[in-house]
Amino acid sequence: MSRPAAKPLPQLSVRIDLDGDERIGPGKILLLENIREHGSISAAGRAMDMSYKRAWDLVDEINRICRHAAVASQTGGKNGGGAVLTPFGAALVARYRKIERDAARAVHKELLALKADIGRPLK
């Protein structure tokens, strides 16, 4: 007889609020990762079910917020252009993912306790 699957641990989502309305969070980082993987803003947007305009606007916002280019366009040849992460963009993704891992480690016990509390019946 198989055991029922364990309920997954609640997940922590990290959003970093900078100045004013400027923020870097999981969506922007995932977009950068998809640009790295797919080699273009349009393909990254499609992978996220996002319009090219929305993807481009987010890239523009990331570049503006960070005051450094995170993505560089490549002029096209036979197959058109593309986009790559700049060294800054790659470092931004790595730093964000490290912050995310460190935060998750720091609250792991509390997430376990929350999972237990949620699973208890009301009295």
C-alpha atoms as a PDB file:
ATOM      1  CA  MET A   1       0.000   0.000   0.000  1.00  0.00           C
ATOM      2  CA  SER A   2       1.443   3.345  -0.991  1.00  0.00           C
ATOM      3  CA  ARG A   3       1.701   6.226   1.389  1.00  0.00           C
ATOM      4  CA  PRO A   4      -0.129   9.448   0.482  1.00  0.00           C
ATOM      5  CA  ALA A   5       2.215  12.046  -0.934  1.00  0.00           C
ATOM      6  CA  ALA A   6       3.513  14.485   1.638  1.00  0.00           C
ATOM      7  CA  LYS A   7       2.189  17.995   1.318  1.00  0.00           C
ATOM      8  CA  PRO A   8       4.895  20.301   0.006  1.00  0.00           C
ATOM      9  CA  LEU A   9       6.516  22.808   2.293  1.00  0.00           C
ATOM     10  CA  PRO A  10       5.111  26.347   1.907  1.00  0.00           C
ATOM     11  CA  GLN A  11       7.365  28.346  -0.390  1.00  0.00           C
ATOM     12  CA  LEU A  12       8.961  31.681   0.331  1.00  0.00           C
ATOM     13  CA  SER A  13       8.805  34.316  -2.406  1.00  0.00           C
ATOM     14  CA  VAL A  14      11.332  37.142  -2.284  1.00  0.00           C
ATOM     15  CA  ARG A  15      10.688  40.603  -3.677  1.00  0.00           C
ATOM     16  CA  ILE A  16      13.357  43.221  -3.148  1.00  0.00           C
ATOM     17  CA  ASP A  17      11.968  46.742  -2.851  1.00  0.00           C
ATOM     18  CA  LEU A  18      14.483  49.371  -3.849  1.00  0.00           C
ATOM     19  CA  ASP A  19      13.752  53.105  -4.176  1.00  0.00           C
ATOM     20  CA  GLY A  20      10.120  54.173  -4.512  1.00  0.00           C
ATOM     21  CA  ASP A  21       8.223  51.822  -6.820  1.00  0.00           C
ATOM     22  CA  GLU A  22      11.375  50.062  -7.998  1.00  0.00           C
ATOM     23  CA  ARG A  23      11.498  46.350  -7.243  1.00  0.00           C
ATOM     24  CA  ILE A  24      13.175  43.178  -8.368  1.00  0.00           C
ATOM     25  CA  GLY A  25      11.294  39.946  -7.806  1.00  0.00           C
ATOM     26  CA  PRO A  26      10.796  36.418  -9.038  1.00  0.00           C
ATOM     27  CA  GLY A  27       9.071  37.388 -12.295  1.00  0.00           C
ATOM     28  CA  LYS A  28      11.820  39.716 -13.517  1.00  0.00           C
ATOM     29  CA  ILE A  29      14.510  37.245 -12.524  1.00  0.00           C
ATOM     30  CA  LEU A  30      12.687  34.419 -14.308  1.00  0.00           C
ATOM     31  CA  LEU A  31      12.464  36.617 -17.407  1.00  0.00           C
ATOM     32  CA  LEU A  32      16.229  37.178 -17.305  1.00  0.00           C
ATOM     33  CA  GLU A  33      16.792  33.435 -16.891  1.00  0.00           C
ATOM     34  CA  ASN A  34      14.537  32.756 -19.884  1.00  0.00           C
ATOM     35  CA  ILE A  35      16.425  35.319 -21.979  1.00  0.00           C
ATOM     36  CA  ARG A  36      19.653  33.516 -21.071  1.00  0.00           C
ATOM     37  CA  GLU A  37      18.109  30.160 -21.968  1.00  0.00           C
ATOM     38  CA  HIS A  38      16.290  31.146 -25.179  1.00  0.00           C
ATOM     39  CA  GLY A  39      18.602  33.854 -26.507  1.00  0.00           C
ATOM     40  CA  SER A  40      15.901  36.420 -27.200  1.00  0.00           C
ATOM     41  CA  ILE A  41      13.422  38.636 -25.415  1.00  0.00           C
ATOM     42  CA  SER A  42      10.531  37.481 -27.601  1.00  0.00           C
ATOM     43  CA  ALA A  43      11.270  33.774 -27.002  1.00  0.00           C
ATOM     44  CA  ALA A  44      11.638  34.417 -23.267  1.00  0.00           C
ATOM     45  CA  GLY A  45       8.295  36.210 -23.264  1.00  0.00           C
ATOM     46  CA  ARG A  46       6.628  33.347 -25.132  1.00  0.00           C
ATOM     47  CA  ALA A  47       8.073  30.852 -22.641  1.00  0.00           C
ATOM     48  CA  MET A  48       6.358  32.852 -19.901  1.00  0.00           C
ATOM     49  CA  ASP A  49       3.124  33.375 -21.855  1.00  0.00           C
ATOM     50  CA  MET A  50       3.925  37.089 -22.019  1.00  0.00           C
ATOM     51  CA  SER A  51       3.749  39.491 -24.950  1.00  0.00           C
ATOM     52  CA  TYR A  52       6.956  40.760 -26.511  1.00  0.00           C
ATOM     53  CA  LYS A  53       6.000  44.303 -25.490  1.00  0.00           C
ATOM     54  CA  ARG A  54       5.517  43.285 -21.845  1.00  0.00           C
ATOM     55  CA  ALA A  55       8.819  41.383 -21.834  1.00  0.00           C
ATOM     56  CA  TRP A  56      10.642  44.317 -23.456  1.00  0.00           C
ATOM     57  CA  ASP A  57       9.054  46.774 -20.982  1.00  0.00           C
ATOM     58  CA  LEU A  58      10.230  44.629 -18.062  1.00  0.00           C
ATOM     59  CA  VAL A  59      13.769  44.418 -19.472  1.00  0.00           C
ATOM     60  CA  ASP A  60      13.767  48.187 -19.912  1.00  0.00           C
ATOM     61  CA  GLU A  61      12.538  48.583 -16.329  1.00  0.00           C
ATOM     62  CA  ILE A  62      15.250  46.245 -14.988  1.00  0.00           C
ATOM     63  CA  ASN A  63      17.934  48.199 -16.865  1.00  0.00           C
ATOM     64  CA  ARG A  64      16.530  51.514 -15.569  1.00  0.00           C
ATOM     65  CA  ILE A  65      16.149  50.331 -11.971  1.00  0.00           C
ATOM     66  CA  CYS A  66      19.647  48.873 -11.829  1.00  0.00           C
ATOM     67  CA  ARG A  67      21.271  51.746 -13.727  1.00  0.00           C
ATOM     68  CA  HIS A  68      23.195  49.061 -15.645  1.00  0.00           C
ATOM     69  CA  ALA A  69      22.187  47.043 -18.666  1.00  0.00           C
ATOM     70  CA  ALA A  70      21.162  43.520 -17.630  1.00  0.00           C
ATOM     71  CA  VAL A  71      20.332  42.511 -21.201  1.00  0.00           C
ATOM     72  CA  ALA A  72      22.155  43.350 -24.414  1.00  0.00           C
ATOM     73  CA  SER A  73      20.549  43.110 -27.817  1.00  0.00           C
ATOM     74  CA  GLN A  74      22.410  41.389 -30.601  1.00  0.00           C
ATOM     75  CA  THR A  75      21.905  42.563 -34.132  1.00  0.00           C
ATOM     76  CA  GLY A  76      20.557  39.893 -36.392  1.00  0.00           C
ATOM     77  CA  GLY A  77      22.002  38.057 -39.254  1.00  0.00           C
ATOM     78  CA  LYS A  78      20.198  35.491 -41.332  1.00  0.00           C
ATOM     79  CA  ASN A  79      18.012  34.354 -38.400  1.00  0.00           C
ATOM     80  CA  GLY A  80      17.374  37.773 -36.877  1.00  0.00           C
ATOM     81  CA  GLY A  81      18.713  39.277 -33.695  1.00  0.00           C
ATOM     82  CA  GLY A  82      18.662  38.071 -30.172  1.00  0.00           C
ATOM     83  CA  ALA A  83      19.506  39.062 -26.660  1.00  0.00           C
ATOM     84  CA  VAL A  84      21.984  37.937 -24.035  1.00  0.00           C
ATOM     85  CA  LEU A  85      22.516  38.713 -20.395  1.00  0.00           C
ATOM     86  CA  THR A  86      25.347  41.103 -19.754  1.00  0.00           C
ATOM     87  CA  PRO A  87      27.866  40.169 -17.056  1.00  0.00           C
ATOM     88  CA  PHE A  88      25.859  42.485 -14.781  1.00  0.00           C
ATOM     89  CA  GLY A  89      22.608  40.667 -15.693  1.00  0.00           C
ATOM     90  CA  ALA A  90      24.147  37.273 -14.952  1.00  0.00           C
ATOM     91  CA  ALA A  91      25.470  38.579 -11.618  1.00  0.00           C
ATOM     92  CA  LEU A  92      22.039  40.053 -10.779  1.00  0.00           C
ATOM     93  CA  VAL A  93      20.367  36.679 -11.350  1.00  0.00           C
ATOM     94  CA  ALA A  94      23.012  34.861  -9.303  1.00  0.00           C
ATOM     95  CA  ARG A  95      22.816  37.361  -6.431  1.00  0.00           C
ATOM     96  CA  TYR A  96      18.995  37.266  -6.360  1.00  0.00           C
ATOM     97  CA  ARG A  97      18.959  33.446  -6.337  1.00  0.00           C
ATOM     98  CA  LYS A  98      21.529  33.436  -3.507  1.00  0.00           C
ATOM     99  CA  ILE A  99      19.406  35.867  -1.479  1.00  0.00           C
ATOM    100  CA  GLU A 100      16.406  33.629  -2.149  1.00  0.00           C
ATOM    101  CA  ARG A 101      18.251  30.454  -1.042  1.00  0.00           C
ATOM    102  CA  ASP A 102      19.658  32.147   2.067  1.00  0.00           C
ATOM    103  CA  ALA A 103      16.231  33.506   3.034  1.00  0.00           C
ATOM    104  CA  ALA A 104      14.603  30.099   2.540  1.00  0.00           C
ATOM    105  CA  ARG A 105      17.260  28.463   4.734  1.00  0.00           C
ATOM    106  CA  ALA A 106      16.762  31.121   7.415  1.00  0.00           C
ATOM    107  CA  VAL A 107      13.005  30.491   7.657  1.00  0.00           C
ATOM    108  CA  HIS A 108      12.959  26.730   7.013  1.00  0.00           C
ATOM    109  CA  LYS A 109      11.957  25.834  10.596  1.00  0.00           C
ATOM    110  CA  GLU A 110       9.196  28.440  10.580  1.00  0.00           C
ATOM    111  CA  LEU A 111       7.871  27.139   7.249  1.00  0.00           C
ATOM    112  CA  LEU A 112       7.775  23.626   8.739  1.00  0.00           C
ATOM    113  CA  ALA A 113       5.875  24.960  11.757  1.00  0.00           C
ATOM    114  CA  LEU A 114       3.481  26.857   9.488  1.00  0.00           C
ATOM    115  CA  LYS A 115       2.842  23.698   7.474  1.00  0.00           C
ATOM    116  CA  ALA A 116       2.079  21.821  10.685  1.00  0.00           C
ATOM    117  CA  ASP A 117      -0.224  24.589  11.941  1.00  0.00           C
ATOM    118  CA  ILE A 118      -2.127  24.731   8.671  1.00  0.00           C
ATOM    119  CA  GLY A 119      -2.590  20.967   8.686  1.00  0.00           C
ATOM    120  CA  ARG A 120      -4.149  20.891  12.176  1.00  0.00           C
ATOM    121  CA  PRO A 121      -7.934  20.764  12.461  1.00  0.00           C
ATOM    122  CA  LEU A 122      -9.680  23.683  14.135  1.00  0.00           C
ATOM    123  CA  LYS A 123     -10.847  23.138  17.707  1.00  0.00           C
END
